Amino acid sequence: MTTLQVSAQKQLRQLVEQIERLEEEKKALAGDIRDKFLEAKGLGFDVKVLRQVVRLRKKSATERQEEDAVLEVYLHALGMLEQMGGASHDAAIEAMIAAE
């Protein structure tokens, strides 16, 4: 078995320790985010929809429009737009997105 030089061992140890610290920070941040969603729920907000809003805000308007167009095609192909009781296509798409 090949052993690493002392300098490489130190670099490896530093990298592993840095990754471990970042993983701990990530865990703490995930807890903070969970707490914010719980706070939103306590204030009466729909957490499922709030998560969708956060995802949508990460995308550009063009990306959202492209996804909406593809979604409309898929829903139409599956006959799901007609099942919306005569609602407009945009309203149907919004309802389907909110249901995610």
PDB file of N, CA and C in Angstrom:
ATOM      1  N   MET A   1       0.847  -1.175   0.000  1.00  0.00           N
ATOM      2  CA  MET A   1       0.000   0.000   0.000  1.00  0.00           C
ATOM      3  C   MET A   1       0.896   1.244   0.000  1.00  0.00           C
ATOM      4  N   THR A   2       0.512   2.215  -0.788  1.00  0.00           N
ATOM      5  CA  THR A   2       1.283   3.437  -0.901  1.00  0.00           C
ATOM      6  C   THR A   2       0.856   4.408   0.189  1.00  0.00           C
ATOM      7  N   THR A   3       1.825   5.070   0.790  1.00  0.00           N
ATOM      8  CA  THR A   3       1.499   6.072   1.799  1.00  0.00           C
ATOM      9  C   THR A   3       1.740   7.456   1.216  1.00  0.00           C
ATOM     10  N   LEU A   4       1.016   8.416   1.722  1.00  0.00           N
ATOM     11  CA  LEU A   4       1.150   9.794   1.268  1.00  0.00           C
ATOM     12  C   LEU A   4       2.298  10.477   1.998  1.00  0.00           C
ATOM     13  N   GLN A   5       2.892  11.442   1.328  1.00  0.00           N
ATOM     14  CA  GLN A   5       3.922  12.243   1.977  1.00  0.00           C
ATOM     15  C   GLN A   5       3.276  13.059   3.094  1.00  0.00           C
ATOM     16  N   VAL A   6       4.099  13.491   4.015  1.00  0.00           N
ATOM     17  CA  VAL A   6       3.603  14.225   5.175  1.00  0.00           C
ATOM     18  C   VAL A   6       2.828  15.473   4.743  1.00  0.00           C
ATOM     19  N   SER A   7       3.321  16.200   3.754  1.00  0.00           N
ATOM     20  CA  SER A   7       2.628  17.418   3.304  1.00  0.00           C
ATOM     21  C   SER A   7       1.269  17.075   2.690  1.00  0.00           C
ATOM     22  N   ALA A   8       1.197  15.989   1.936  1.00  0.00           N
ATOM     23  CA  ALA A   8      -0.070  15.565   1.340  1.00  0.00           C
ATOM     24  C   ALA A   8      -1.046  15.107   2.421  1.00  0.00           C
ATOM     25  N   GLN A   9      -0.529  14.462   3.450  1.00  0.00           N
ATOM     26  CA  GLN A   9      -1.375  14.029   4.562  1.00  0.00           C
ATOM     27  C   GLN A   9      -1.992  15.241   5.261  1.00  0.00           C
ATOM     28  N   LYS A  10      -1.176  16.274   5.460  1.00  0.00           N
ATOM     29  CA  LYS A  10      -1.674  17.491   6.103  1.00  0.00           C
ATOM     30  C   LYS A  10      -2.740  18.163   5.245  1.00  0.00           C
ATOM     31  N   GLN A  11      -2.499  18.238   3.939  1.00  0.00           N
ATOM     32  CA  GLN A  11      -3.487  18.833   3.034  1.00  0.00           C
ATOM     33  C   GLN A  11      -4.790  18.052   3.071  1.00  0.00           C
ATOM     34  N   LEU A  12      -4.661  16.734   3.036  1.00  0.00           N
ATOM     35  CA  LEU A  12      -5.844  15.878   3.072  1.00  0.00           C
ATOM     36  C   LEU A  12      -6.619  16.085   4.363  1.00  0.00           C
ATOM     37  N   ARG A  13      -5.919  16.119   5.481  1.00  0.00           N
ATOM     38  CA  ARG A  13      -6.567  16.315   6.777  1.00  0.00           C
ATOM     39  C   ARG A  13      -7.279  17.675   6.816  1.00  0.00           C
ATOM     40  N   GLN A  14      -6.635  18.716   6.295  1.00  0.00           N
ATOM     41  CA  GLN A  14      -7.246  20.044   6.266  1.00  0.00           C
ATOM     42  C   GLN A  14      -8.504  20.053   5.410  1.00  0.00           C
ATOM     43  N   LEU A  15      -8.435  19.409   4.251  1.00  0.00           N
ATOM     44  CA  LEU A  15      -9.604  19.356   3.370  1.00  0.00           C
ATOM     45  C   LEU A  15     -10.765  18.629   4.036  1.00  0.00           C
ATOM     46  N   VAL A  16     -10.469  17.508   4.660  1.00  0.00           N
ATOM     47  CA  VAL A  16     -11.515  16.735   5.328  1.00  0.00           C
ATOM     48  C   VAL A  16     -12.129  17.543   6.466  1.00  0.00           C
ATOM     49  N   GLU A  17     -11.289  18.228   7.256  1.00  0.00           N
ATOM     50  CA  GLU A  17     -11.802  19.030   8.361  1.00  0.00           C
ATOM     51  C   GLU A  17     -12.641  20.202   7.859  1.00  0.00           C
ATOM     52  N   GLN A  18     -12.228  20.823   6.758  1.00  0.00           N
ATOM     53  CA  GLN A  18     -13.006  21.918   6.182  1.00  0.00           C
ATOM     54  C   GLN A  18     -14.363  21.415   5.686  1.00  0.00           C
ATOM     55  N   ILE A  19     -14.361  20.268   5.035  1.00  0.00           N
ATOM     56  CA  ILE A  19     -15.617  19.683   4.550  1.00  0.00           C
ATOM     57  C   ILE A  19     -16.530  19.368   5.728  1.00  0.00           C
ATOM     58  N   GLU A  20     -15.961  18.822   6.790  1.00  0.00           N
ATOM     59  CA  GLU A  20     -16.765  18.514   7.975  1.00  0.00           C
ATOM     60  C   GLU A  20     -17.375  19.782   8.582  1.00  0.00           C
ATOM     61  N   ARG A  21     -16.605  20.866   8.639  1.00  0.00           N
ATOM     62  CA  ARG A  21     -17.141  22.132   9.167  1.00  0.00           C
ATOM     63  C   ARG A  21     -18.264  22.654   8.282  1.00  0.00           C
ATOM     64  N   LEU A  22     -18.054  22.570   6.963  1.00  0.00           N
ATOM     65  CA  LEU A  22     -19.095  23.034   6.039  1.00  0.00           C
ATOM     66  C   LEU A  22     -20.359  22.194   6.157  1.00  0.00           C
ATOM     67  N   GLU A  23     -20.196  20.889   6.353  1.00  0.00           N
ATOM     68  CA  GLU A  23     -21.364  20.013   6.547  1.00  0.00           C
ATOM     69  C   GLU A  23     -22.128  20.415   7.808  1.00  0.00           C
ATOM     70  N   GLU A  24     -21.412  20.766   8.865  1.00  0.00           N
ATOM     71  CA  GLU A  24     -22.065  21.217  10.098  1.00  0.00           C
ATOM     72  C   GLU A  24     -22.811  22.531   9.877  1.00  0.00           C
ATOM     73  N   GLU A  25     -22.177  23.450   9.121  1.00  0.00           N
ATOM     74  CA  GLU A  25     -22.836  24.718   8.802  1.00  0.00           C
ATOM     75  C   GLU A  25     -24.091  24.481   7.972  1.00  0.00           C
ATOM     76  N   LYS A  26     -23.988  23.556   7.020  1.00  0.00           N
ATOM     77  CA  LYS A  26     -25.133  23.234   6.169  1.00  0.00           C
ATOM     78  C   LYS A  26     -26.278  22.669   7.024  1.00  0.00           C
ATOM     79  N   LYS A  27     -25.924  21.819   7.976  1.00  0.00           N
ATOM     80  CA  LYS A  27     -26.937  21.239   8.865  1.00  0.00           C
ATOM     81  C   LYS A  27     -27.611  22.335   9.691  1.00  0.00           C
ATOM     82  N   ALA A  28     -26.815  23.273  10.187  1.00  0.00           N
ATOM     83  CA  ALA A  28     -27.366  24.383  10.976  1.00  0.00           C
ATOM     84  C   ALA A  28     -28.270  25.254  10.111  1.00  0.00           C
ATOM     85  N   LEU A  29     -27.840  25.540   8.879  1.00  0.00           N
ATOM     86  CA  LEU A  29     -28.659  26.354   7.979  1.00  0.00           C
ATOM     87  C   LEU A  29     -29.970  25.646   7.638  1.00  0.00           C
ATOM     88  N   ALA A  30     -29.907  24.343   7.413  1.00  0.00           N
ATOM     89  CA  ALA A  30     -31.128  23.583   7.120  1.00  0.00           C
ATOM     90  C   ALA A  30     -32.102  23.686   8.294  1.00  0.00           C
ATOM     91  N   GLY A  31     -31.569  23.651   9.506  1.00  0.00           N
ATOM     92  CA  GLY A  31     -32.413  23.813  10.691  1.00  0.00           C
ATOM     93  C   GLY A  31     -33.033  25.198  10.755  1.00  0.00           C
ATOM     94  N   ASP A  32     -32.240  26.211  10.405  1.00  0.00           N
ATOM     95  CA  ASP A  32     -32.756  27.585  10.391  1.00  0.00           C
ATOM     96  C   ASP A  32     -33.866  27.741   9.357  1.00  0.00           C
ATOM     97  N   ILE A  33     -33.671  27.142   8.187  1.00  0.00           N
ATOM     98  CA  ILE A  33     -34.685  27.217   7.126  1.00  0.00           C
ATOM     99  C   ILE A  33     -35.963  26.502   7.586  1.00  0.00           C
ATOM    100  N   ARG A  34     -35.806  25.342   8.180  1.00  0.00           N
ATOM    101  CA  ARG A  34     -36.964  24.602   8.696  1.00  0.00           C
ATOM    102  C   ARG A  34     -37.722  25.448   9.719  1.00  0.00           C
ATOM    103  N   ASP A  35     -36.969  26.123  10.582  1.00  0.00           N
ATOM    104  CA  ASP A  35     -37.599  26.985  11.589  1.00  0.00           C
ATOM    105  C   ASP A  35     -38.392  28.114  10.928  1.00  0.00           C
ATOM    106  N   LYS A  36     -37.862  28.688   9.858  1.00  0.00           N
ATOM    107  CA  LYS A  36     -38.569  29.775   9.158  1.00  0.00           C
ATOM    108  C   LYS A  36     -39.867  29.267   8.539  1.00  0.00           C
ATOM    109  N   PHE A  37     -39.834  28.071   7.985  1.00  0.00           N
ATOM    110  CA  PHE A  37     -41.062  27.504   7.427  1.00  0.00           C
ATOM    111  C   PHE A  37     -42.077  27.220   8.537  1.00  0.00           C
ATOM    112  N   LEU A  38     -41.600  26.771   9.683  1.00  0.00           N
ATOM    113  CA  LEU A  38     -42.504  26.556  10.813  1.00  0.00           C
ATOM    114  C   LEU A  38     -43.096  27.876  11.286  1.00  0.00           C
ATOM    115  N   GLU A  39     -42.283  28.920  11.286  1.00  0.00           N
ATOM    116  CA  GLU A  39     -42.771  30.252  11.660  1.00  0.00           C
ATOM    117  C   GLU A  39     -43.845  30.717  10.677  1.00  0.00           C
ATOM    118  N   ALA A  40     -43.583  30.511   9.382  1.00  0.00           N
ATOM    119  CA  ALA A  40     -44.555  30.894   8.349  1.00  0.00           C
ATOM    120  C   ALA A  40     -45.859  30.122   8.545  1.00  0.00           C
ATOM    121  N   LYS A  41     -45.742  28.831   8.852  1.00  0.00           N
ATOM    122  CA  LYS A  41     -46.935  28.018   9.084  1.00  0.00           C
ATOM    123  C   LYS A  41     -47.710  28.534  10.292  1.00  0.00           C
ATOM    124  N   GLY A  42     -46.986  28.915  11.330  1.00  0.00           N
ATOM    125  CA  GLY A  42     -47.618  29.455  12.531  1.00  0.00           C
ATOM    126  C   GLY A  42     -48.350  30.762  12.265  1.00  0.00           C
ATOM    127  N   LEU A  43     -47.884  31.491  11.256  1.00  0.00           N
ATOM    128  CA  LEU A  43     -48.530  32.751  10.885  1.00  0.00           C
ATOM    129  C   LEU A  43     -49.688  32.540   9.914  1.00  0.00           C
ATOM    130  N   GLY A  44     -49.932  31.276   9.547  1.00  0.00           N
ATOM    131  CA  GLY A  44     -51.068  30.965   8.685  1.00  0.00           C
ATOM    132  C   GLY A  44     -50.734  30.836   7.209  1.00  0.00           C
ATOM    133  N   PHE A  45     -49.454  30.870   6.847  1.00  0.00           N
ATOM    134  CA  PHE A  45     -49.081  30.726   5.450  1.00  0.00           C
ATOM    135  C   PHE A  45     -49.018  29.249   5.067  1.00  0.00           C
ATOM    136  N   ASP A  46     -49.336  28.967   3.814  1.00  0.00           N
ATOM    137  CA  ASP A  46     -49.274  27.612   3.283  1.00  0.00           C
ATOM    138  C   ASP A  46     -47.820  27.306   2.939  1.00  0.00           C
ATOM    139  N   VAL A  47     -47.193  26.425   3.694  1.00  0.00           N
ATOM    140  CA  VAL A  47     -45.772  26.131   3.541  1.00  0.00           C
ATOM    141  C   VAL A  47     -45.482  25.492   2.190  1.00  0.00           C
ATOM    142  N   LYS A  48     -46.356  24.646   1.720  1.00  0.00           N
ATOM    143  CA  LYS A  48     -46.159  23.990   0.431  1.00  0.00           C
ATOM    144  C   LYS A  48     -46.083  25.035  -0.689  1.00  0.00           C
ATOM    145  N   VAL A  49     -46.981  25.991  -0.652  1.00  0.00           N
ATOM    146  CA  VAL A  49     -46.991  27.055  -1.658  1.00  0.00           C
ATOM    147  C   VAL A  49     -45.785  27.962  -1.460  1.00  0.00           C
ATOM    148  N   LEU A  50     -45.426  28.232  -0.229  1.00  0.00           N
ATOM    149  CA  LEU A  50     -44.263  29.066   0.060  1.00  0.00           C
ATOM    150  C   LEU A  50     -42.991  28.441  -0.506  1.00  0.00           C
ATOM    151  N   ARG A  51     -42.848  27.129  -0.381  1.00  0.00           N
ATOM    152  CA  ARG A  51     -41.690  26.437  -0.967  1.00  0.00           C
ATOM    153  C   ARG A  51     -41.677  26.601  -2.486  1.00  0.00           C
ATOM    154  N   GLN A  52     -42.853  26.526  -3.098  1.00  0.00           N
ATOM    155  CA  GLN A  52     -42.967  26.709  -4.545  1.00  0.00           C
ATOM    156  C   GLN A  52     -42.559  28.131  -4.937  1.00  0.00           C
ATOM    157  N   VAL A  53     -42.968  29.103  -4.156  1.00  0.00           N
ATOM    158  CA  VAL A  53     -42.608  30.498  -4.426  1.00  0.00           C
ATOM    159  C   VAL A  53     -41.086  30.668  -4.371  1.00  0.00           C
ATOM    160  N   VAL A  54     -40.462  30.067  -3.369  1.00  0.00           N
ATOM    161  CA  VAL A  54     -39.008  30.160  -3.241  1.00  0.00           C
ATOM    162  C   VAL A  54     -38.330  29.542  -4.464  1.00  0.00           C
ATOM    163  N   ARG A  55     -38.833  28.381  -4.911  1.00  0.00           N
ATOM    164  CA  ARG A  55     -38.261  27.734  -6.111  1.00  0.00           C
ATOM    165  C   ARG A  55     -38.438  28.612  -7.341  1.00  0.00           C
ATOM    166  N   LEU A  56     -39.624  29.205  -7.490  1.00  0.00           N
ATOM    167  CA  LEU A  56     -39.894  30.039  -8.663  1.00  0.00           C
ATOM    168  C   LEU A  56     -39.040  31.299  -8.677  1.00  0.00           C
ATOM    169  N   ARG A  57     -38.784  31.865  -7.509  1.00  0.00           N
ATOM    170  CA  ARG A  57     -37.986  33.094  -7.451  1.00  0.00           C
ATOM    171  C   ARG A  57     -36.537  32.856  -7.850  1.00  0.00           C
ATOM    172  N   LYS A  58     -36.093  31.618  -7.811  1.00  0.00           N
ATOM    173  CA  LYS A  58     -34.728  31.288  -8.229  1.00  0.00           C
ATOM    174  C   LYS A  58     -34.588  31.287  -9.749  1.00  0.00           C
ATOM    175  N   LYS A  59     -35.706  31.239 -10.449  1.00  0.00           N
ATOM    176  CA  LYS A  59     -35.704  31.139 -11.912  1.00  0.00           C
ATOM    177  C   LYS A  59     -35.991  32.492 -12.541  1.00  0.00           C
ATOM    178  N   SER A  60     -35.489  32.662 -13.753  1.00  0.00           N
ATOM    179  CA  SER A  60     -35.783  33.897 -14.490  1.00  0.00           C
ATOM    180  C   SER A  60     -37.206  33.827 -15.032  1.00  0.00           C
ATOM    181  N   ALA A  61     -37.720  34.983 -15.430  1.00  0.00           N
ATOM    182  CA  ALA A  61     -39.069  35.025 -16.006  1.00  0.00           C
ATOM    183  C   ALA A  61     -39.131  34.155 -17.256  1.00  0.00           C
ATOM    184  N   THR A  62     -38.077  34.155 -18.044  1.00  0.00           N
ATOM    185  CA  THR A  62     -38.042  33.342 -19.266  1.00  0.00           C
ATOM    186  C   THR A  62     -38.107  31.859 -18.931  1.00  0.00           C
ATOM    187  N   GLU A  63     -37.337  31.437 -17.934  1.00  0.00           N
ATOM    188  CA  GLU A  63     -37.367  30.028 -17.525  1.00  0.00           C
ATOM    189  C   GLU A  63     -38.765  29.614 -17.069  1.00  0.00           C
ATOM    190  N   ARG A  64     -39.391  30.494 -16.270  1.00  0.00           N
ATOM    191  CA  ARG A  64     -40.743  30.181 -15.783  1.00  0.00           C
ATOM    192  C   ARG A  64     -41.734  30.097 -16.938  1.00  0.00           C
ATOM    193  N   GLN A  65     -41.638  31.015 -17.909  1.00  0.00           N
ATOM    194  CA  GLN A  65     -42.548  30.999 -19.058  1.00  0.00           C
ATOM    195  C   GLN A  65     -42.357  29.735 -19.878  1.00  0.00           C
ATOM    196  N   GLU A  66     -41.107  29.334 -20.082  1.00  0.00           N
ATOM    197  CA  GLU A  66     -40.841  28.104 -20.844  1.00  0.00           C
ATOM    198  C   GLU A  66     -41.417  26.887 -20.132  1.00  0.00           C
ATOM    199  N   GLU A  67     -41.212  26.812 -18.823  1.00  0.00           N
ATOM    200  CA  GLU A  67     -41.757  25.690 -18.061  1.00  0.00           C
ATOM    201  C   GLU A  67     -43.279  25.693 -18.080  1.00  0.00           C
ATOM    202  N   ASP A  68     -43.884  26.877 -17.959  1.00  0.00           N
ATOM    203  CA  ASP A  68     -45.342  26.984 -18.011  1.00  0.00           C
ATOM    204  C   ASP A  68     -45.876  26.504 -19.357  1.00  0.00           C
ATOM    205  N   ALA A  69     -45.172  26.863 -20.437  1.00  0.00           N
ATOM    206  CA  ALA A  69     -45.618  26.460 -21.768  1.00  0.00           C
ATOM    207  C   ALA A  69     -45.556  24.938 -21.916  1.00  0.00           C
ATOM    208  N   VAL A  70     -44.472  24.337 -21.450  1.00  0.00           N
ATOM    209  CA  VAL A  70     -44.352  22.877 -21.532  1.00  0.00           C
ATOM    210  C   VAL A  70     -45.399  22.218 -20.645  1.00  0.00           C
ATOM    211  N   LEU A  71     -45.597  22.772 -19.453  1.00  0.00           N
ATOM    212  CA  LEU A  71     -46.613  22.227 -18.549  1.00  0.00           C
ATOM    213  C   LEU A  71     -47.988  22.272 -19.200  1.00  0.00           C
ATOM    214  N   GLU A  72     -48.306  23.394 -19.855  1.00  0.00           N
ATOM    215  CA  GLU A  72     -49.605  23.514 -20.514  1.00  0.00           C
ATOM    216  C   GLU A  72     -49.772  22.448 -21.602  1.00  0.00           C
ATOM    217  N   VAL A  73     -48.716  22.208 -22.368  1.00  0.00           N
ATOM    218  CA  VAL A  73     -48.769  21.181 -23.412  1.00  0.00           C
ATOM    219  C   VAL A  73     -49.029  19.814 -22.786  1.00  0.00           C
ATOM    220  N   TYR A  74     -48.306  19.502 -21.712  1.00  0.00           N
ATOM    221  CA  TYR A  74     -48.472  18.205 -21.054  1.00  0.00           C
ATOM    222  C   TYR A  74     -49.876  18.051 -20.466  1.00  0.00           C
ATOM    223  N   LEU A  75     -50.346  19.097 -19.790  1.00  0.00           N
ATOM    224  CA  LEU A  75     -51.680  19.023 -19.189  1.00  0.00           C
ATOM    225  C   LEU A  75     -52.757  18.873 -20.253  1.00  0.00           C
ATOM    226  N   HIS A  76     -52.587  19.591 -21.348  1.00  0.00           N
ATOM    227  CA  HIS A  76     -53.549  19.486 -22.444  1.00  0.00           C
ATOM    228  C   HIS A  76     -53.524  18.077 -23.023  1.00  0.00           C
ATOM    229  N   ALA A  77     -52.322  17.521 -23.217  1.00  0.00           N
ATOM    230  CA  ALA A  77     -52.184  16.172 -23.766  1.00  0.00           C
ATOM    231  C   ALA A  77     -52.837  15.130 -22.864  1.00  0.00           C
ATOM    232  N   LEU A  78     -52.827  15.375 -21.580  1.00  0.00           N
ATOM    233  CA  LEU A  78     -53.425  14.445 -20.626  1.00  0.00           C
ATOM    234  C   LEU A  78     -54.899  14.732 -20.363  1.00  0.00           C
ATOM    235  N   GLY A  79     -55.429  15.767 -21.014  1.00  0.00           N
ATOM    236  CA  GLY A  79     -56.828  16.113 -20.839  1.00  0.00           C
ATOM    237  C   GLY A  79     -57.127  16.768 -19.514  1.00  0.00           C
ATOM    238  N   MET A  80     -56.117  17.297 -18.865  1.00  0.00           N
ATOM    239  CA  MET A  80     -56.312  17.864 -17.534  1.00  0.00           C
ATOM    240  C   MET A  80     -56.763  19.319 -17.573  1.00  0.00           C
ATOM    241  N   LEU A  81     -56.527  20.043 -18.657  1.00  0.00           N
ATOM    242  CA  LEU A  81     -56.971  21.428 -18.741  1.00  0.00           C
ATOM    243  C   LEU A  81     -58.477  21.508 -18.903  1.00  0.00           C
ATOM    244  N   GLU A  82     -59.051  20.592 -19.660  1.00  0.00           N
ATOM    245  CA  GLU A  82     -60.495  20.588 -19.853  1.00  0.00           C
ATOM    246  C   GLU A  82     -61.227  20.231 -18.565  1.00  0.00           C
ATOM    247  N   GLN A  83     -60.542  19.509 -17.678  1.00  0.00           N
ATOM    248  CA  GLN A  83     -61.157  19.092 -16.417  1.00  0.00           C
ATOM    249  C   GLN A  83     -61.226  20.224 -15.398  1.00  0.00           C
ATOM    250  N   MET A  84     -60.669  21.357 -15.725  1.00  0.00           N
ATOM    251  CA  MET A  84     -60.613  22.450 -14.766  1.00  0.00           C
ATOM    252  C   MET A  84     -61.905  23.267 -14.741  1.00  0.00           C
ATOM    253  N   GLY A  85     -62.958  22.802 -15.382  1.00  0.00           N
ATOM    254  CA  GLY A  85     -64.248  23.465 -15.286  1.00  0.00           C
ATOM    255  C   GLY A  85     -64.315  24.760 -16.063  1.00  0.00           C
ATOM    256  N   GLY A  86     -63.651  24.812 -17.218  1.00  0.00           N
ATOM    257  CA  GLY A  86     -63.725  25.996 -18.061  1.00  0.00           C
ATOM    258  C   GLY A  86     -62.810  27.123 -17.645  1.00  0.00           C
ATOM    259  N   ALA A  87     -61.951  26.894 -16.690  1.00  0.00           N
ATOM    260  CA  ALA A  87     -61.016  27.939 -16.264  1.00  0.00           C
ATOM    261  C   ALA A  87     -60.044  28.227 -17.397  1.00  0.00           C
ATOM    262  N   SER A  88     -59.507  29.426 -17.385  1.00  0.00           N
ATOM    263  CA  SER A  88     -58.535  29.786 -18.426  1.00  0.00           C
ATOM    264  C   SER A  88     -57.297  28.917 -18.280  1.00  0.00           C
ATOM    265  N   HIS A  89     -56.537  28.838 -19.359  1.00  0.00           N
ATOM    266  CA  HIS A  89     -55.321  28.029 -19.326  1.00  0.00           C
ATOM    267  C   HIS A  89     -54.372  28.514 -18.246  1.00  0.00           C
ATOM    268  N   ASP A  90     -54.195  29.822 -18.114  1.00  0.00           N
ATOM    269  CA  ASP A  90     -53.277  30.358 -17.106  1.00  0.00           C
ATOM    270  C   ASP A  90     -53.729  29.981 -15.703  1.00  0.00           C
ATOM    271  N   ALA A  91     -55.002  30.086 -15.432  1.00  0.00           N
ATOM    272  CA  ALA A  91     -55.513  29.733 -14.110  1.00  0.00           C
ATOM    273  C   ALA A  91     -55.321  28.240 -13.850  1.00  0.00           C
ATOM    274  N   ALA A  92     -55.506  27.431 -14.872  1.00  0.00           N
ATOM    275  CA  ALA A  92     -55.332  25.989 -14.734  1.00  0.00           C
ATOM    276  C   ALA A  92     -53.873  25.655 -14.432  1.00  0.00           C
ATOM    277  N   ILE A  93     -52.982  26.322 -15.137  1.00  0.00           N
ATOM    278  CA  ILE A  93     -51.554  26.084 -14.909  1.00  0.00           C
ATOM    279  C   ILE A  93     -51.175  26.496 -13.496  1.00  0.00           C
ATOM    280  N   GLU A  94     -51.646  27.649 -13.054  1.00  0.00           N
ATOM    281  CA  GLU A  94     -51.335  28.109 -11.707  1.00  0.00           C
ATOM    282  C   GLU A  94     -51.857  27.119 -10.666  1.00  0.00           C
ATOM    283  N   ALA A  95     -53.045  26.590 -10.915  1.00  0.00           N
ATOM    284  CA  ALA A  95     -53.618  25.619  -9.980  1.00  0.00           C
ATOM    285  C   ALA A  95     -52.781  24.352  -9.931  1.00  0.00           C
ATOM    286  N   MET A  96     -52.284  23.911 -11.086  1.00  0.00           N
ATOM    287  CA  MET A  96     -51.463  22.692 -11.123  1.00  0.00           C
ATOM    288  C   MET A  96     -50.103  22.929 -10.454  1.00  0.00           C
ATOM    289  N   ILE A  97     -49.526  24.085 -10.664  1.00  0.00           N
ATOM    290  CA  ILE A  97     -48.239  24.406 -10.046  1.00  0.00           C
ATOM    291  C   ILE A  97     -48.406  24.461  -8.534  1.00  0.00           C
ATOM    292  N   ALA A  98     -49.462  25.089  -8.084  1.00  0.00           N
ATOM    293  CA  ALA A  98     -49.693  25.197  -6.642  1.00  0.00           C
ATOM    294  C   ALA A  98     -49.921  23.836  -6.020  1.00  0.00           C
ATOM    295  N   ALA A  99     -50.434  22.889  -6.797  1.00  0.00           N
ATOM    296  CA  ALA A  99     -50.718  21.561  -6.281  1.00  0.00           C
ATOM    297  C   ALA A  99     -49.463  20.709  -6.113  1.00  0.00           C
ATOM    298  N   GLU A 100     -48.336  21.154  -6.654  1.00  0.00           N
ATOM    299  CA  GLU A 100     -47.098  20.365  -6.563  1.00  0.00           C
ATOM    300  C   GLU A 100     -46.688  20.125  -5.154  1.00  0.00           C
TER     301      GLU A 100
END
